[in-house]
Amino acid sequence: MRRCARPALARVRLMADECLFCRIAGGEIPADVVATSDEALAFRDITPVAPTHVLVIPRAHWANLAEVAAAAPQTLVDMVRLAAEVADIEGVATDGYRLVANTGAAAHQTVFHAHLHVLAGRSMTWPPG
């Protein structure tokens, strides 16, 4: 079974084996998978806030997107490409979708494994929050 790698830049106090998203990426915990790539995995959020609410995670463990960008920029590019593919699959690419990345507890990041939220299917207000 493939486990998330733990790069030196990750500042998360959890071991990758204890990380919920690492366990999903490794197939240890089931998820409603929407799309995959070599570097990323997209699955439905279990507590959606929009009709389309899909999470896109890197297969390797980083705490947030800034860490992904610093350590593996191509993985971040792959995550955004996969998010666009999800929007296509879900039929929301033409009408529009929002990508959200919360970084840190103050921004309401609750799982400290980098991820993007793909949100669509309802009117999005601005400013968010």
N, C-alpha and C. Protein backbone atom coordinates (compact mmCIF):
# COMPACT_ATOMS: atom_id res chain seq x y z
N MET A 1 0.85 -1.18 0.00
CA MET A 1 0.00 0.00 0.00
C MET A 1 0.89 1.23 0.00
N ARG A 2 0.58 2.18 -0.88
CA ARG A 2 1.37 3.40 -1.00
C ARG A 2 1.02 4.38 0.12
N ARG A 3 2.00 4.90 0.79
CA ARG A 3 1.82 5.89 1.85
C ARG A 3 2.27 7.24 1.33
N CYS A 4 1.74 8.29 1.90
CA CYS A 4 2.22 9.62 1.57
C CYS A 4 3.66 9.75 2.04
N ALA A 5 4.46 10.39 1.22
CA ALA A 5 5.82 10.72 1.63
C ALA A 5 5.76 11.94 2.54
N ARG A 6 6.70 12.09 3.40
CA ARG A 6 6.73 13.25 4.30
C ARG A 6 7.97 14.08 3.99
N PRO A 7 7.82 15.14 3.17
CA PRO A 7 8.97 15.96 2.80
C PRO A 7 9.50 16.75 3.99
N ALA A 8 10.75 17.16 3.91
CA ALA A 8 11.38 17.90 5.00
C ALA A 8 10.67 19.21 5.30
N LEU A 9 10.03 19.83 4.31
CA LEU A 9 9.38 21.13 4.53
C LEU A 9 8.10 21.04 5.35
N ALA A 10 7.50 19.88 5.44
CA ALA A 10 6.23 19.77 6.16
C ALA A 10 6.44 20.08 7.63
N ARG A 11 5.67 21.01 8.16
CA ARG A 11 5.80 21.41 9.56
C ARG A 11 4.69 20.81 10.42
N VAL A 12 3.86 19.99 9.83
CA VAL A 12 2.76 19.39 10.56
C VAL A 12 3.29 18.46 11.63
N ARG A 13 2.68 18.48 12.79
CA ARG A 13 3.13 17.65 13.90
C ARG A 13 2.70 16.19 13.75
N LEU A 14 1.75 15.93 12.88
CA LEU A 14 1.27 14.56 12.66
C LEU A 14 2.28 13.76 11.86
N MET A 15 2.31 12.50 12.09
CA MET A 15 3.04 11.61 11.20
C MET A 15 2.13 11.36 10.00
N ALA A 16 2.71 11.12 8.84
CA ALA A 16 1.91 10.91 7.65
C ALA A 16 0.94 9.74 7.84
N ASP A 17 1.33 8.73 8.62
CA ASP A 17 0.45 7.58 8.86
C ASP A 17 -0.82 7.98 9.61
N GLU A 18 -0.77 9.08 10.35
CA GLU A 18 -1.92 9.55 11.11
C GLU A 18 -2.76 10.56 10.33
N CYS A 19 -2.30 10.98 9.19
CA CYS A 19 -2.97 12.01 8.39
C CYS A 19 -4.16 11.40 7.63
N LEU A 20 -5.34 11.96 7.83
CA LEU A 20 -6.55 11.48 7.17
C LEU A 20 -6.39 11.44 5.66
N PHE A 21 -5.89 12.53 5.07
CA PHE A 21 -5.79 12.58 3.61
C PHE A 21 -4.70 11.64 3.08
N CYS A 22 -3.63 11.43 3.85
CA CYS A 22 -2.64 10.43 3.44
C CYS A 22 -3.27 9.04 3.42
N ARG A 23 -4.12 8.78 4.39
CA ARG A 23 -4.78 7.47 4.45
C ARG A 23 -5.77 7.30 3.30
N ILE A 24 -6.44 8.39 2.90
CA ILE A 24 -7.32 8.33 1.73
C ILE A 24 -6.49 8.12 0.47
N ALA A 25 -5.40 8.88 0.32
CA ALA A 25 -4.54 8.75 -0.86
C ALA A 25 -3.95 7.34 -0.96
N GLY A 26 -3.69 6.73 0.18
CA GLY A 26 -3.12 5.38 0.21
C GLY A 26 -4.14 4.27 0.06
N GLY A 27 -5.43 4.63 -0.02
CA GLY A 27 -6.48 3.63 -0.19
C GLY A 27 -6.91 2.97 1.11
N GLU A 28 -6.40 3.44 2.22
CA GLU A 28 -6.71 2.87 3.53
C GLU A 28 -8.11 3.26 4.00
N ILE A 29 -8.53 4.47 3.62
CA ILE A 29 -9.87 4.97 3.95
C ILE A 29 -10.59 5.23 2.64
N PRO A 30 -11.82 4.72 2.49
CA PRO A 30 -12.54 4.91 1.22
C PRO A 30 -12.98 6.37 1.04
N ALA A 31 -13.08 6.76 -0.22
CA ALA A 31 -13.56 8.09 -0.59
C ALA A 31 -14.31 7.98 -1.91
N ASP A 32 -15.19 8.93 -2.16
CA ASP A 32 -15.92 9.01 -3.43
C ASP A 32 -15.03 9.75 -4.42
N VAL A 33 -14.17 9.01 -5.11
CA VAL A 33 -13.16 9.59 -6.00
C VAL A 33 -13.82 10.07 -7.29
N VAL A 34 -13.48 11.30 -7.67
CA VAL A 34 -14.01 11.92 -8.89
C VAL A 34 -12.99 11.83 -10.02
N ALA A 35 -11.71 12.04 -9.70
CA ALA A 35 -10.66 12.02 -10.73
C ALA A 35 -9.31 11.78 -10.05
N THR A 36 -8.36 11.28 -10.83
CA THR A 36 -7.02 11.05 -10.30
C THR A 36 -5.98 11.44 -11.35
N SER A 37 -4.77 11.66 -10.88
CA SER A 37 -3.61 11.84 -11.75
C SER A 37 -2.43 11.18 -11.03
N ASP A 38 -1.28 11.22 -11.65
CA ASP A 38 -0.10 10.63 -11.01
C ASP A 38 0.24 11.33 -9.70
N GLU A 39 0.01 12.63 -9.63
CA GLU A 39 0.43 13.42 -8.48
C GLU A 39 -0.69 13.79 -7.51
N ALA A 40 -1.96 13.64 -7.94
CA ALA A 40 -3.06 14.15 -7.12
C ALA A 40 -4.29 13.25 -7.20
N LEU A 41 -5.20 13.50 -6.27
CA LEU A 41 -6.44 12.73 -6.14
C LEU A 41 -7.56 13.71 -5.84
N ALA A 42 -8.71 13.54 -6.47
CA ALA A 42 -9.87 14.40 -6.22
C ALA A 42 -11.04 13.54 -5.75
N PHE A 43 -11.65 13.95 -4.63
CA PHE A 43 -12.76 13.19 -4.07
C PHE A 43 -13.77 14.15 -3.44
N ARG A 44 -15.01 13.68 -3.30
CA ARG A 44 -16.08 14.52 -2.76
C ARG A 44 -15.87 14.79 -1.27
N ASP A 45 -16.13 16.04 -0.87
CA ASP A 45 -16.07 16.42 0.53
C ASP A 45 -17.23 15.77 1.26
N ILE A 46 -17.00 15.25 2.47
CA ILE A 46 -18.07 14.57 3.21
C ILE A 46 -19.02 15.56 3.88
N THR A 47 -18.64 16.84 3.93
CA THR A 47 -19.53 17.88 4.46
C THR A 47 -19.58 19.03 3.45
N PRO A 48 -20.26 18.81 2.32
CA PRO A 48 -20.24 19.81 1.25
C PRO A 48 -20.94 21.12 1.63
N VAL A 49 -20.39 22.22 1.12
CA VAL A 49 -21.00 23.54 1.31
C VAL A 49 -21.56 24.09 0.01
N ALA A 50 -21.50 23.28 -1.05
CA ALA A 50 -22.05 23.65 -2.36
C ALA A 50 -22.45 22.35 -3.06
N PRO A 51 -23.34 22.44 -4.05
CA PRO A 51 -23.72 21.23 -4.78
C PRO A 51 -22.52 20.46 -5.35
N THR A 52 -21.52 21.17 -5.84
CA THR A 52 -20.25 20.55 -6.20
C THR A 52 -19.24 20.99 -5.16
N HIS A 53 -18.70 20.03 -4.42
CA HIS A 53 -17.67 20.32 -3.43
C HIS A 53 -16.72 19.12 -3.42
N VAL A 54 -15.61 19.30 -4.13
CA VAL A 54 -14.63 18.24 -4.31
C VAL A 54 -13.29 18.74 -3.79
N LEU A 55 -12.57 17.87 -3.10
CA LEU A 55 -11.24 18.20 -2.60
C LEU A 55 -10.19 17.61 -3.54
N VAL A 56 -9.16 18.39 -3.82
CA VAL A 56 -8.04 17.92 -4.63
C VAL A 56 -6.81 17.95 -3.73
N ILE A 57 -6.19 16.78 -3.54
CA ILE A 57 -5.04 16.66 -2.64
C ILE A 57 -3.83 16.13 -3.40
N PRO A 58 -2.63 16.52 -2.97
CA PRO A 58 -1.44 15.86 -3.52
C PRO A 58 -1.32 14.47 -2.91
N ARG A 59 -0.76 13.55 -3.64
CA ARG A 59 -0.57 12.19 -3.10
C ARG A 59 0.52 12.17 -2.03
N ALA A 60 1.46 13.09 -2.10
CA ALA A 60 2.51 13.21 -1.08
C ALA A 60 2.03 14.19 -0.01
N HIS A 61 2.65 14.12 1.15
CA HIS A 61 2.21 14.92 2.29
C HIS A 61 2.96 16.25 2.40
N TRP A 62 2.20 17.33 2.29
CA TRP A 62 2.66 18.68 2.61
C TRP A 62 1.54 19.32 3.39
N ALA A 63 1.87 20.21 4.30
CA ALA A 63 0.86 20.81 5.17
C ALA A 63 -0.05 21.79 4.45
N ASN A 64 0.46 22.48 3.43
CA ASN A 64 -0.35 23.50 2.75
C ASN A 64 0.20 23.74 1.34
N LEU A 65 -0.50 24.55 0.57
CA LEU A 65 -0.10 24.75 -0.82
C LEU A 65 1.21 25.50 -0.96
N ALA A 66 1.54 26.37 -0.01
CA ALA A 66 2.83 27.07 -0.08
C ALA A 66 3.97 26.06 0.00
N GLU A 67 3.81 25.05 0.84
CA GLU A 67 4.84 24.01 0.95
C GLU A 67 4.92 23.18 -0.33
N VAL A 68 3.77 22.91 -0.94
CA VAL A 68 3.77 22.18 -2.23
C VAL A 68 4.51 23.01 -3.27
N ALA A 69 4.20 24.29 -3.36
CA ALA A 69 4.82 25.18 -4.35
C ALA A 69 6.33 25.24 -4.17
N ALA A 70 6.79 25.29 -2.93
CA ALA A 70 8.22 25.38 -2.66
C ALA A 70 8.95 24.07 -2.96
N ALA A 71 8.33 22.96 -2.63
CA ALA A 71 9.00 21.66 -2.74
C ALA A 71 8.76 20.96 -4.08
N ALA A 72 7.58 21.13 -4.64
CA ALA A 72 7.21 20.39 -5.85
C ALA A 72 6.22 21.20 -6.70
N PRO A 73 6.69 22.26 -7.35
CA PRO A 73 5.78 23.13 -8.10
C PRO A 73 4.96 22.39 -9.16
N GLN A 74 5.52 21.35 -9.76
CA GLN A 74 4.76 20.60 -10.78
C GLN A 74 3.56 19.88 -10.15
N THR A 75 3.68 19.50 -8.89
CA THR A 75 2.54 18.88 -8.20
C THR A 75 1.42 19.89 -8.03
N LEU A 76 1.76 21.13 -7.70
CA LEU A 76 0.75 22.17 -7.58
C LEU A 76 0.07 22.43 -8.92
N VAL A 77 0.84 22.47 -9.98
CA VAL A 77 0.28 22.63 -11.32
C VAL A 77 -0.67 21.47 -11.62
N ASP A 78 -0.25 20.26 -11.29
CA ASP A 78 -1.08 19.08 -11.52
C ASP A 78 -2.39 19.16 -10.73
N MET A 79 -2.32 19.67 -9.50
CA MET A 79 -3.54 19.81 -8.69
C MET A 79 -4.53 20.77 -9.34
N VAL A 80 -4.03 21.89 -9.87
CA VAL A 80 -4.92 22.86 -10.51
C VAL A 80 -5.49 22.28 -11.80
N ARG A 81 -4.67 21.55 -12.56
CA ARG A 81 -5.19 20.88 -13.76
C ARG A 81 -6.26 19.86 -13.40
N LEU A 82 -6.04 19.11 -12.33
CA LEU A 82 -7.04 18.13 -11.91
C LEU A 82 -8.32 18.83 -11.45
N ALA A 83 -8.20 19.97 -10.78
CA ALA A 83 -9.38 20.74 -10.38
C ALA A 83 -10.18 21.17 -11.61
N ALA A 84 -9.51 21.59 -12.67
CA ALA A 84 -10.20 21.96 -13.91
C ALA A 84 -10.88 20.74 -14.53
N GLU A 85 -10.23 19.59 -14.46
CA GLU A 85 -10.84 18.35 -14.96
C GLU A 85 -12.09 18.00 -14.15
N VAL A 86 -12.02 18.18 -12.84
CA VAL A 86 -13.19 17.94 -11.99
C VAL A 86 -14.33 18.85 -12.41
N ALA A 87 -14.04 20.13 -12.64
CA ALA A 87 -15.08 21.07 -13.07
C ALA A 87 -15.72 20.60 -14.37
N ASP A 88 -14.90 20.09 -15.28
CA ASP A 88 -15.42 19.54 -16.54
C ASP A 88 -16.31 18.33 -16.29
N ILE A 89 -15.83 17.39 -15.50
CA ILE A 89 -16.58 16.17 -15.18
C ILE A 89 -17.91 16.50 -14.53
N GLU A 90 -17.89 17.48 -13.63
CA GLU A 90 -19.10 17.87 -12.88
C GLU A 90 -20.03 18.77 -13.69
N GLY A 91 -19.60 19.20 -14.87
CA GLY A 91 -20.43 20.03 -15.73
C GLY A 91 -20.55 21.48 -15.28
N VAL A 92 -19.55 21.97 -14.54
CA VAL A 92 -19.61 23.34 -14.03
C VAL A 92 -18.52 24.25 -14.61
N ALA A 93 -17.69 23.72 -15.50
CA ALA A 93 -16.57 24.50 -16.03
C ALA A 93 -17.04 25.73 -16.79
N THR A 94 -18.12 25.62 -17.54
CA THR A 94 -18.61 26.74 -18.34
C THR A 94 -19.24 27.83 -17.48
N ASP A 95 -20.06 27.44 -16.52
CA ASP A 95 -20.73 28.42 -15.66
C ASP A 95 -19.79 29.02 -14.63
N GLY A 96 -18.78 28.30 -14.23
CA GLY A 96 -17.79 28.80 -13.29
C GLY A 96 -17.73 28.00 -12.01
N TYR A 97 -16.56 28.06 -11.40
CA TYR A 97 -16.32 27.36 -10.14
C TYR A 97 -15.29 28.16 -9.36
N ARG A 98 -15.21 27.88 -8.09
CA ARG A 98 -14.26 28.56 -7.21
C ARG A 98 -13.27 27.54 -6.67
N LEU A 99 -11.99 27.92 -6.66
CA LEU A 99 -10.96 27.12 -5.99
C LEU A 99 -10.60 27.84 -4.70
N VAL A 100 -10.61 27.10 -3.60
CA VAL A 100 -10.30 27.66 -2.29
C VAL A 100 -9.18 26.84 -1.66
N ALA A 101 -8.21 27.54 -1.08
CA ALA A 101 -7.15 26.89 -0.32
C ALA A 101 -7.02 27.62 1.01
N ASN A 102 -7.38 26.96 2.09
CA ASN A 102 -7.22 27.52 3.43
C ASN A 102 -5.86 27.12 3.96
N THR A 103 -5.13 28.10 4.48
CA THR A 103 -3.79 27.83 4.99
C THR A 103 -3.71 28.28 6.44
N GLY A 104 -3.64 27.32 7.34
CA GLY A 104 -3.53 27.60 8.77
C GLY A 104 -4.86 27.58 9.48
N ALA A 105 -4.79 27.41 10.78
CA ALA A 105 -6.00 27.31 11.61
C ALA A 105 -6.85 28.57 11.54
N ALA A 106 -6.23 29.75 11.49
CA ALA A 106 -6.99 31.01 11.45
C ALA A 106 -7.80 31.14 10.15
N ALA A 107 -7.37 30.44 9.11
CA ALA A 107 -8.09 30.44 7.83
C ALA A 107 -9.06 29.27 7.73
N HIS A 108 -9.21 28.54 8.83
CA HIS A 108 -10.12 27.40 8.94
C HIS A 108 -9.63 26.16 8.19
N GLN A 109 -8.31 25.99 8.12
CA GLN A 109 -7.78 24.73 7.61
C GLN A 109 -7.93 23.72 8.75
N THR A 110 -8.67 22.64 8.49
CA THR A 110 -8.93 21.66 9.54
C THR A 110 -8.17 20.35 9.34
N VAL A 111 -7.74 20.09 8.13
CA VAL A 111 -6.88 18.93 7.84
C VAL A 111 -5.57 19.50 7.31
N PHE A 112 -4.48 19.24 8.02
CA PHE A 112 -3.21 19.85 7.66
C PHE A 112 -2.42 18.98 6.69
N HIS A 113 -3.09 18.75 5.57
CA HIS A 113 -2.53 18.13 4.37
C HIS A 113 -3.02 19.05 3.25
N ALA A 114 -2.12 19.55 2.43
CA ALA A 114 -2.49 20.51 1.40
C ALA A 114 -3.70 20.04 0.61
N HIS A 115 -4.62 20.96 0.31
CA HIS A 115 -5.77 20.62 -0.52
C HIS A 115 -6.44 21.86 -1.08
N LEU A 116 -7.08 21.65 -2.21
CA LEU A 116 -7.92 22.66 -2.85
C LEU A 116 -9.37 22.21 -2.73
N HIS A 117 -10.26 23.16 -2.50
CA HIS A 117 -11.70 22.89 -2.57
C HIS A 117 -12.17 23.37 -3.94
N VAL A 118 -12.87 22.52 -4.68
CA VAL A 118 -13.53 22.91 -5.92
C VAL A 118 -15.00 23.10 -5.56
N LEU A 119 -15.48 24.33 -5.65
CA LEU A 119 -16.86 24.67 -5.25
C LEU A 119 -17.62 25.22 -6.44
N ALA A 120 -18.85 24.75 -6.62
CA ALA A 120 -19.68 25.24 -7.73
C ALA A 120 -21.12 24.78 -7.53
N GLY A 121 -21.98 25.27 -8.42
CA GLY A 121 -23.37 24.84 -8.41
C GLY A 121 -24.29 25.74 -7.62
N ARG A 122 -23.78 26.83 -7.10
CA ARG A 122 -24.58 27.84 -6.43
C ARG A 122 -23.89 29.17 -6.61
N SER A 123 -24.62 30.24 -6.35
CA SER A 123 -24.04 31.57 -6.46
C SER A 123 -23.00 31.75 -5.35
N MET A 124 -21.83 32.22 -5.73
CA MET A 124 -20.75 32.48 -4.77
C MET A 124 -20.74 33.97 -4.47
N THR A 125 -20.68 34.30 -3.19
CA THR A 125 -20.66 35.71 -2.83
C THR A 125 -19.24 36.22 -2.74
N TRP A 126 -19.11 37.55 -2.77
CA TRP A 126 -17.80 38.17 -2.61
C TRP A 126 -17.95 39.37 -1.71
N PRO A 127 -17.12 39.58 -0.76
CA PRO A 127 -15.95 38.74 -0.47
C PRO A 127 -16.36 37.45 0.23
N PRO A 128 -15.53 36.41 0.08
CA PRO A 128 -15.84 35.16 0.78
C PRO A 128 -15.60 35.32 2.27
N GLY A 129 -16.09 34.38 3.01
CA GLY A 129 -15.83 34.37 4.45
C GLY A 129 -17.01 34.74 5.23
